[in-house]
Amino acid sequence: MILRLVDFPYRRVRVACLWCPRRRGDYCTGRLIARLGPGASLDAVPLAVAVTCRWPKAWGKRGPNQYVPWCRPYLQDLGSDRPPDRQI
């Protein structure tokens, strides 16, 4: 199981949001490692990318109700059979 950004097998990291279907990003793994550090967890990558989201909410905290939107970024390529590019 991949837990750190250094262990991510592809050169590109694709981040998407469950709430905003048009909000997507494609980032170079090397630049993310330089920005976040080699020991950064994969959970930190979507949160660092989604800093400018208009519906921020800390993960694990309950909102006022289930219908209030909050930021839900995720890594598209984890668990996918179709890789974004070739492996490093």
Protein backbone atom coordinates (compact mmCIF):
# COMPACT_ATOMS: atom_id res chain seq x y z
CA MET A 1 0.00 0.00 0.00
CA ILE A 2 1.29 3.44 -0.94
CA LEU A 3 1.37 5.82 2.01
CA ARG A 4 3.91 8.48 1.03
CA LEU A 5 4.24 10.76 -1.96
CA VAL A 6 7.72 9.40 -2.68
CA ASP A 7 6.22 5.93 -3.22
CA PHE A 8 3.60 7.12 -5.73
CA PRO A 9 4.31 5.08 -8.90
CA TYR A 10 3.41 7.65 -11.59
CA ARG A 11 4.99 10.88 -12.79
CA ARG A 12 1.69 12.77 -12.68
CA VAL A 13 -0.70 13.08 -9.73
CA ARG A 14 -4.32 13.75 -10.67
CA VAL A 15 -6.58 15.31 -8.04
CA ALA A 16 -10.34 15.72 -8.41
CA CYS A 17 -13.22 16.81 -6.19
CA LEU A 18 -16.40 14.84 -5.54
CA TRP A 19 -18.43 18.00 -5.01
CA CYS A 20 -17.12 20.11 -7.93
CA PRO A 21 -16.96 17.92 -11.07
CA ARG A 22 -15.11 20.57 -13.09
CA ARG A 23 -12.46 21.16 -10.45
CA ARG A 24 -9.56 18.89 -11.37
CA GLY A 25 -5.80 19.14 -11.32
CA ASP A 26 -2.84 17.37 -12.85
CA TYR A 27 0.45 17.85 -11.01
CA CYS A 28 4.03 16.70 -11.49
CA THR A 29 5.05 14.27 -8.75
CA GLY A 30 8.56 15.71 -8.55
CA ARG A 31 7.27 19.24 -8.01
CA LEU A 32 4.84 18.08 -5.33
CA ILE A 33 7.69 16.28 -3.55
CA ALA A 34 9.74 19.50 -3.66
CA ARG A 35 6.77 21.52 -2.38
CA LEU A 36 5.47 19.18 0.33
CA GLY A 37 8.59 17.18 1.17
CA PRO A 38 9.46 13.55 0.46
CA GLY A 39 7.80 12.26 3.62
CA ALA A 40 4.41 13.81 2.84
CA SER A 41 1.52 11.41 3.12
CA LEU A 42 -0.87 10.90 0.24
CA ASP A 43 -3.65 12.29 2.41
CA ALA A 44 -1.82 15.63 2.56
CA VAL A 45 -1.60 16.03 -1.22
CA PRO A 46 -5.30 16.66 -1.99
CA LEU A 47 -5.63 18.91 1.04
CA ALA A 48 -2.61 20.99 0.02
CA VAL A 49 -3.94 21.35 -3.52
CA ALA A 50 -7.47 22.27 -2.39
CA VAL A 51 -6.39 25.21 -0.21
CA THR A 52 -8.24 27.63 -2.48
CA CYS A 53 -11.53 25.73 -2.37
CA ARG A 54 -14.61 27.82 -1.66
CA TRP A 55 -16.10 25.10 0.58
CA PRO A 56 -13.28 24.32 3.03
CA LYS A 57 -13.92 21.97 5.89
CA ALA A 58 -11.45 19.97 7.91
CA TRP A 59 -11.62 16.23 7.32
CA GLY A 60 -13.17 14.28 10.14
CA LYS A 61 -15.23 17.18 11.47
CA ARG A 62 -18.97 17.03 11.32
CA GLY A 63 -20.79 19.80 9.50
CA PRO A 64 -24.08 21.43 10.47
CA ASN A 65 -26.04 18.94 8.34
CA GLN A 66 -25.59 16.47 5.51
CA TYR A 67 -26.64 18.91 2.79
CA VAL A 68 -23.99 21.57 3.41
CA PRO A 69 -21.21 21.17 0.81
CA TRP A 70 -17.60 20.78 1.83
CA CYS A 71 -14.39 20.14 0.00
CA ARG A 72 -13.82 16.48 -0.86
CA PRO A 73 -10.62 16.17 -2.91
CA TYR A 74 -9.23 12.74 -3.75
CA LEU A 75 -6.48 11.15 -5.84
CA GLN A 76 -8.02 9.81 -9.04
CA ASP A 77 -5.40 7.20 -9.83
CA LEU A 78 -5.31 5.26 -6.58
CA GLY A 79 -7.11 1.97 -7.13
CA SER A 80 -7.61 2.67 -10.83
CA ASP A 81 -6.75 0.15 -13.54
CA ARG A 82 -5.93 2.89 -16.01
CA PRO A 83 -2.70 4.73 -15.14
CA PRO A 84 -2.34 8.43 -16.07
CA ASP A 85 1.08 7.88 -17.62
CA ARG A 86 3.99 5.50 -17.48
CA GLN A 87 5.54 4.53 -14.21
CA ILE A 88 8.70 6.15 -12.88
